[in-house]
Amino acid sequence: MEHREETTTLISADKVSGTNVYNTVGDSLGEVHDVMIDKASGRITYAVMSFGGFLGIGQKYHPLPWSALTYDSERGGYVVDLSRERLKGAPVFADEAQPKWTREYEQEIHEHYLVAPYRGSQAER
């Protein structure tokens, strides 16, 4: 069976990882490192954007609400309405300091990006 990584409306998580993230003026902010998926609904709730570092060492990660991203086929990446200055104050973590994905942490993310929180199944929290 042939495995397709992309159709006109679907894309595999493997292909999302590594996709560039731009702001609305075209600045490259980083790339999608991973996605966070709600276990119960199966919906992607966050894109974890990586930036900085060298050869994967010293990278930092910003969780971005998935709903804040728009795919731009001309750029071949995702666009978020976010300036570099606003990104500097955003929630961030490193590999050695993974966050606890609590309701409070998610609320902090959504408040920073001015995006309504995703209220899927959060029974485990």
N, C-alpha and C. Protein backbone atom coordinates (compact mmCIF):
# COMPACT_ATOMS: atom_id res chain seq x y z
N MET A 1 0.84 -1.18 0.00
CA MET A 1 0.00 0.00 0.00
C MET A 1 0.88 1.25 0.00
N GLU A 2 0.55 2.18 -0.83
CA GLU A 2 1.31 3.43 -0.94
C GLU A 2 0.95 4.36 0.22
N HIS A 3 1.98 4.93 0.83
CA HIS A 3 1.80 5.90 1.92
C HIS A 3 1.92 7.29 1.33
N ARG A 4 0.85 8.05 1.40
CA ARG A 4 0.88 9.43 0.89
C ARG A 4 1.07 10.37 2.05
N GLU A 5 2.03 11.26 1.92
CA GLU A 5 2.31 12.22 2.98
C GLU A 5 1.45 13.46 2.89
N GLU A 6 0.80 13.67 1.73
CA GLU A 6 0.04 14.89 1.57
C GLU A 6 -1.02 14.73 0.49
N THR A 7 -2.19 15.32 0.75
CA THR A 7 -3.24 15.45 -0.26
C THR A 7 -3.58 16.95 -0.31
N THR A 8 -4.65 17.31 -0.98
CA THR A 8 -5.00 18.72 -1.04
C THR A 8 -5.47 19.25 0.32
N THR A 9 -5.96 18.39 1.20
CA THR A 9 -6.47 18.84 2.50
C THR A 9 -5.81 18.18 3.70
N LEU A 10 -4.99 17.16 3.49
CA LEU A 10 -4.36 16.43 4.60
C LEU A 10 -2.84 16.42 4.45
N ILE A 11 -2.16 16.34 5.60
CA ILE A 11 -0.70 16.24 5.59
C ILE A 11 -0.29 15.35 6.76
N SER A 12 0.72 14.53 6.58
CA SER A 12 1.18 13.65 7.66
C SER A 12 2.01 14.46 8.65
N ALA A 13 2.01 14.01 9.90
CA ALA A 13 2.79 14.71 10.93
C ALA A 13 4.27 14.72 10.58
N ASP A 14 4.75 13.66 9.92
CA ASP A 14 6.16 13.62 9.52
C ASP A 14 6.51 14.77 8.59
N LYS A 15 5.57 15.15 7.74
CA LYS A 15 5.85 16.22 6.80
C LYS A 15 5.68 17.61 7.45
N VAL A 16 4.85 17.70 8.49
CA VAL A 16 4.68 18.97 9.20
C VAL A 16 5.96 19.31 9.95
N SER A 17 6.57 18.31 10.59
CA SER A 17 7.83 18.55 11.30
C SER A 17 8.89 19.03 10.33
N GLY A 18 9.53 20.14 10.68
CA GLY A 18 10.55 20.71 9.82
C GLY A 18 10.04 21.81 8.91
N THR A 19 8.71 22.01 8.89
CA THR A 19 8.14 23.07 8.05
C THR A 19 8.43 24.42 8.68
N ASN A 20 8.83 25.38 7.87
CA ASN A 20 9.15 26.72 8.36
C ASN A 20 7.91 27.43 8.90
N VAL A 21 8.15 28.31 9.88
CA VAL A 21 7.11 29.17 10.44
C VAL A 21 7.56 30.61 10.21
N TYR A 22 6.66 31.40 9.62
CA TYR A 22 6.94 32.81 9.30
C TYR A 22 5.96 33.71 10.04
N ASN A 23 6.35 34.96 10.22
CA ASN A 23 5.36 35.93 10.67
C ASN A 23 4.73 36.57 9.43
N THR A 24 3.78 37.46 9.64
CA THR A 24 3.03 38.01 8.51
C THR A 24 3.84 38.91 7.60
N VAL A 25 5.00 39.40 8.08
CA VAL A 25 5.85 40.22 7.20
C VAL A 25 6.89 39.38 6.47
N GLY A 26 6.87 38.07 6.69
CA GLY A 26 7.75 37.17 5.96
C GLY A 26 9.02 36.76 6.67
N ASP A 27 9.23 37.23 7.93
CA ASP A 27 10.41 36.81 8.68
C ASP A 27 10.28 35.35 9.08
N SER A 28 11.34 34.59 8.91
CA SER A 28 11.36 33.21 9.38
C SER A 28 11.57 33.21 10.89
N LEU A 29 10.64 32.59 11.62
CA LEU A 29 10.72 32.56 13.08
C LEU A 29 11.33 31.26 13.60
N GLY A 30 11.22 30.20 12.84
CA GLY A 30 11.71 28.90 13.25
C GLY A 30 11.07 27.84 12.38
N GLU A 31 10.97 26.63 12.94
CA GLU A 31 10.31 25.55 12.20
C GLU A 31 9.53 24.68 13.16
N VAL A 32 8.54 23.98 12.62
CA VAL A 32 7.74 23.09 13.44
C VAL A 32 8.62 21.91 13.84
N HIS A 33 8.78 21.74 15.14
CA HIS A 33 9.57 20.64 15.68
C HIS A 33 8.67 19.43 15.92
N ASP A 34 7.47 19.70 16.41
CA ASP A 34 6.54 18.63 16.77
C ASP A 34 5.14 19.21 16.84
N VAL A 35 4.16 18.35 16.98
CA VAL A 35 2.79 18.78 17.21
C VAL A 35 2.27 18.06 18.45
N MET A 36 1.37 18.72 19.17
CA MET A 36 0.73 18.12 20.34
C MET A 36 -0.71 17.84 19.93
N ILE A 37 -1.16 16.61 20.20
CA ILE A 37 -2.47 16.15 19.77
C ILE A 37 -3.32 15.81 20.98
N ASP A 38 -4.55 16.30 20.99
CA ASP A 38 -5.49 15.96 22.06
C ASP A 38 -5.83 14.47 21.93
N LYS A 39 -5.61 13.72 23.00
CA LYS A 39 -5.80 12.27 22.96
C LYS A 39 -7.24 11.87 22.61
N ALA A 40 -8.20 12.54 23.19
CA ALA A 40 -9.59 12.13 23.01
C ALA A 40 -10.16 12.54 21.65
N SER A 41 -9.90 13.76 21.22
CA SER A 41 -10.50 14.24 19.98
C SER A 41 -9.66 13.94 18.75
N GLY A 42 -8.34 13.76 18.95
CA GLY A 42 -7.43 13.55 17.84
C GLY A 42 -7.04 14.83 17.13
N ARG A 43 -7.47 15.97 17.65
CA ARG A 43 -7.16 17.26 17.02
C ARG A 43 -5.78 17.75 17.44
N ILE A 44 -5.07 18.35 16.49
CA ILE A 44 -3.80 19.00 16.83
C ILE A 44 -4.15 20.26 17.61
N THR A 45 -3.52 20.43 18.77
CA THR A 45 -3.80 21.60 19.59
C THR A 45 -2.64 22.59 19.60
N TYR A 46 -1.40 22.09 19.45
CA TYR A 46 -0.23 22.97 19.45
C TYR A 46 0.78 22.52 18.42
N ALA A 47 1.46 23.49 17.84
CA ALA A 47 2.68 23.24 17.07
C ALA A 47 3.81 23.68 17.99
N VAL A 48 4.80 22.85 18.15
CA VAL A 48 5.97 23.22 18.95
C VAL A 48 7.02 23.69 17.97
N MET A 49 7.30 24.99 18.01
CA MET A 49 8.24 25.60 17.07
C MET A 49 9.63 25.64 17.69
N SER A 50 10.62 25.17 16.94
CA SER A 50 12.01 25.22 17.41
C SER A 50 12.71 26.41 16.78
N PHE A 51 13.67 26.95 17.52
CA PHE A 51 14.48 28.04 16.99
C PHE A 51 15.80 28.07 17.73
N GLY A 52 16.78 28.69 17.10
CA GLY A 52 18.10 28.85 17.73
C GLY A 52 18.87 27.55 17.76
N GLY A 53 19.97 27.57 18.47
CA GLY A 53 20.80 26.39 18.60
C GLY A 53 21.61 26.11 17.36
N PHE A 54 22.45 25.10 17.47
CA PHE A 54 23.31 24.68 16.37
C PHE A 54 23.35 23.16 16.36
N LEU A 55 22.95 22.57 15.25
CA LEU A 55 22.88 21.12 15.10
C LEU A 55 22.05 20.48 16.21
N GLY A 56 20.97 21.16 16.58
CA GLY A 56 20.08 20.63 17.59
C GLY A 56 20.50 20.88 19.02
N ILE A 57 21.66 21.50 19.23
CA ILE A 57 22.15 21.76 20.58
C ILE A 57 21.79 23.19 20.95
N GLY A 58 21.18 23.37 22.10
CA GLY A 58 20.81 24.69 22.57
C GLY A 58 19.53 25.24 21.98
N GLN A 59 18.76 24.39 21.31
CA GLN A 59 17.50 24.86 20.73
C GLN A 59 16.50 25.16 21.83
N LYS A 60 15.64 26.10 21.54
CA LYS A 60 14.52 26.44 22.40
C LYS A 60 13.24 26.14 21.63
N TYR A 61 12.15 26.01 22.38
CA TYR A 61 10.89 25.62 21.77
C TYR A 61 9.76 26.52 22.26
N HIS A 62 8.95 26.98 21.33
CA HIS A 62 7.76 27.76 21.64
C HIS A 62 6.54 26.93 21.27
N PRO A 63 5.64 26.67 22.23
CA PRO A 63 4.37 26.06 21.86
C PRO A 63 3.44 27.13 21.30
N LEU A 64 2.95 26.91 20.10
CA LEU A 64 2.03 27.85 19.45
C LEU A 64 0.66 27.19 19.31
N PRO A 65 -0.41 27.87 19.69
CA PRO A 65 -1.73 27.29 19.45
C PRO A 65 -1.90 27.00 17.95
N TRP A 66 -2.30 25.80 17.64
CA TRP A 66 -2.45 25.40 16.24
C TRP A 66 -3.40 26.34 15.51
N SER A 67 -4.42 26.81 16.22
CA SER A 67 -5.40 27.70 15.58
C SER A 67 -4.81 29.05 15.19
N ALA A 68 -3.63 29.39 15.71
CA ALA A 68 -2.98 30.66 15.35
C ALA A 68 -2.19 30.55 14.06
N LEU A 69 -2.00 29.34 13.55
CA LEU A 69 -1.20 29.11 12.35
C LEU A 69 -2.08 28.97 11.11
N THR A 70 -1.60 29.50 10.02
CA THR A 70 -2.26 29.36 8.72
C THR A 70 -1.21 28.86 7.74
N TYR A 71 -1.57 27.86 6.95
CA TYR A 71 -0.62 27.35 5.96
C TYR A 71 -0.61 28.27 4.75
N ASP A 72 0.57 28.65 4.29
CA ASP A 72 0.75 29.50 3.12
C ASP A 72 1.47 28.68 2.06
N SER A 73 0.75 28.26 1.04
CA SER A 73 1.35 27.40 0.01
C SER A 73 2.42 28.12 -0.79
N GLU A 74 2.33 29.44 -0.94
CA GLU A 74 3.37 30.18 -1.67
C GLU A 74 4.70 30.17 -0.91
N ARG A 75 4.64 30.27 0.39
CA ARG A 75 5.86 30.22 1.21
C ARG A 75 6.27 28.79 1.53
N GLY A 76 5.33 27.88 1.41
CA GLY A 76 5.63 26.49 1.75
C GLY A 76 5.83 26.33 3.25
N GLY A 77 5.09 27.13 4.03
CA GLY A 77 5.22 27.06 5.48
C GLY A 77 4.01 27.66 6.16
N TYR A 78 4.07 27.68 7.48
CA TYR A 78 2.98 28.21 8.29
C TYR A 78 3.25 29.67 8.63
N VAL A 79 2.19 30.44 8.73
CA VAL A 79 2.28 31.86 9.06
C VAL A 79 1.51 32.11 10.35
N VAL A 80 2.14 32.89 11.23
CA VAL A 80 1.51 33.28 12.48
C VAL A 80 1.63 34.79 12.61
N ASP A 81 0.58 35.44 13.06
CA ASP A 81 0.57 36.90 13.22
C ASP A 81 1.31 37.23 14.51
N LEU A 82 2.64 37.35 14.39
CA LEU A 82 3.48 37.48 15.58
C LEU A 82 4.78 38.18 15.20
N SER A 83 5.09 39.24 15.91
CA SER A 83 6.36 39.93 15.66
C SER A 83 7.48 39.23 16.44
N ARG A 84 8.71 39.46 16.04
CA ARG A 84 9.85 38.90 16.77
C ARG A 84 9.87 39.41 18.21
N GLU A 85 9.47 40.66 18.42
CA GLU A 85 9.46 41.24 19.76
C GLU A 85 8.47 40.51 20.67
N ARG A 86 7.27 40.24 20.15
CA ARG A 86 6.26 39.53 20.94
C ARG A 86 6.70 38.09 21.20
N LEU A 87 7.39 37.50 20.26
CA LEU A 87 7.87 36.13 20.42
C LEU A 87 8.88 36.05 21.56
N LYS A 88 9.68 37.09 21.76
CA LYS A 88 10.69 37.09 22.82
C LYS A 88 10.09 36.90 24.20
N GLY A 89 8.87 37.38 24.44
CA GLY A 89 8.24 37.24 25.74
C GLY A 89 7.30 36.05 25.85
N ALA A 90 7.28 35.20 24.83
CA ALA A 90 6.36 34.07 24.79
C ALA A 90 6.84 32.91 25.66
N PRO A 91 5.90 32.04 26.07
CA PRO A 91 6.31 30.83 26.79
C PRO A 91 7.32 30.05 25.95
N VAL A 92 8.38 29.59 26.59
CA VAL A 92 9.48 28.90 25.91
C VAL A 92 10.03 27.83 26.83
N PHE A 93 10.59 26.78 26.24
CA PHE A 93 11.25 25.75 27.05
C PHE A 93 12.39 25.13 26.26
N ALA A 94 13.24 24.40 26.96
CA ALA A 94 14.38 23.70 26.35
C ALA A 94 14.17 22.20 26.56
N ASP A 95 14.95 21.39 25.83
CA ASP A 95 14.83 19.93 25.98
C ASP A 95 14.97 19.48 27.42
N GLU A 96 15.90 20.10 28.13
CA GLU A 96 16.17 19.68 29.50
C GLU A 96 15.16 20.23 30.51
N ALA A 97 14.24 21.07 30.06
CA ALA A 97 13.25 21.68 30.95
C ALA A 97 11.87 21.65 30.32
N GLN A 98 11.38 20.45 30.04
CA GLN A 98 10.06 20.29 29.43
C GLN A 98 8.98 20.83 30.39
N PRO A 99 7.99 21.53 29.84
CA PRO A 99 6.93 22.07 30.70
C PRO A 99 5.95 20.99 31.13
N LYS A 100 5.22 21.27 32.19
CA LYS A 100 4.08 20.43 32.57
C LYS A 100 2.89 21.03 31.84
N TRP A 101 2.24 20.23 31.04
CA TRP A 101 1.13 20.72 30.21
C TRP A 101 -0.15 20.77 31.04
N THR A 102 -0.18 21.68 32.00
CA THR A 102 -1.35 21.87 32.85
C THR A 102 -2.29 22.88 32.21
N ARG A 103 -3.49 22.98 32.74
CA ARG A 103 -4.43 23.99 32.26
C ARG A 103 -3.84 25.39 32.42
N GLU A 104 -3.12 25.62 33.51
CA GLU A 104 -2.52 26.93 33.75
C GLU A 104 -1.47 27.26 32.69
N TYR A 105 -0.65 26.27 32.34
CA TYR A 105 0.38 26.49 31.33
C TYR A 105 -0.27 26.78 29.98
N GLU A 106 -1.29 26.00 29.64
CA GLU A 106 -1.98 26.22 28.38
C GLU A 106 -2.67 27.58 28.37
N GLN A 107 -3.24 28.00 29.50
CA GLN A 107 -3.87 29.31 29.59
C GLN A 107 -2.84 30.41 29.34
N GLU A 108 -1.64 30.25 29.90
CA GLU A 108 -0.55 31.22 29.68
C GLU A 108 -0.22 31.34 28.19
N ILE A 109 -0.15 30.20 27.51
CA ILE A 109 0.15 30.19 26.08
C ILE A 109 -0.92 30.97 25.32
N HIS A 110 -2.17 30.64 25.58
CA HIS A 110 -3.27 31.26 24.85
C HIS A 110 -3.42 32.74 25.16
N GLU A 111 -3.18 33.12 26.39
CA GLU A 111 -3.24 34.54 26.73
C GLU A 111 -2.14 35.32 26.01
N HIS A 112 -0.95 34.73 25.93
CA HIS A 112 0.14 35.42 25.26
C HIS A 112 -0.16 35.66 23.78
N TYR A 113 -0.71 34.66 23.13
CA TYR A 113 -0.98 34.77 21.70
C TYR A 113 -2.37 35.34 21.38
N LEU A 114 -3.13 35.67 22.43
CA LEU A 114 -4.47 36.25 22.26
C LEU A 114 -5.36 35.35 21.41
N VAL A 115 -5.32 34.05 21.72
CA VAL A 115 -6.10 33.04 21.02
C VAL A 115 -6.94 32.30 22.05
N ALA A 116 -8.22 32.11 21.76
CA ALA A 116 -9.09 31.38 22.68
C ALA A 116 -8.54 29.97 22.89
N PRO A 117 -8.57 29.49 24.14
CA PRO A 117 -8.06 28.14 24.42
C PRO A 117 -8.90 27.07 23.75
N TYR A 118 -8.23 26.01 23.35
CA TYR A 118 -8.90 24.83 22.83
C TYR A 118 -9.47 24.09 24.03
N ARG A 119 -10.72 23.79 24.02
CA ARG A 119 -11.35 23.11 25.15
C ARG A 119 -11.83 21.72 24.74
N GLY A 120 -10.89 20.92 24.27
CA GLY A 120 -11.21 19.54 23.95
C GLY A 120 -11.29 18.74 25.23
N SER A 121 -11.18 17.47 25.11
CA SER A 121 -11.21 16.60 26.28
C SER A 121 -9.94 16.81 27.09
N GLN A 122 -10.08 17.30 28.30
CA GLN A 122 -8.94 17.50 29.18
C GLN A 122 -9.16 16.72 30.47
N ALA A 123 -9.76 15.54 30.36
CA ALA A 123 -10.13 14.74 31.52
C ALA A 123 -8.94 14.33 32.37
N GLU A 124 -7.76 14.18 31.77
CA GLU A 124 -6.61 13.72 32.52
C GLU A 124 -5.94 14.83 33.32
N ARG A 125 -6.42 16.05 33.20
CA ARG A 125 -5.77 17.16 33.87
C ARG A 125 -6.43 17.40 35.17
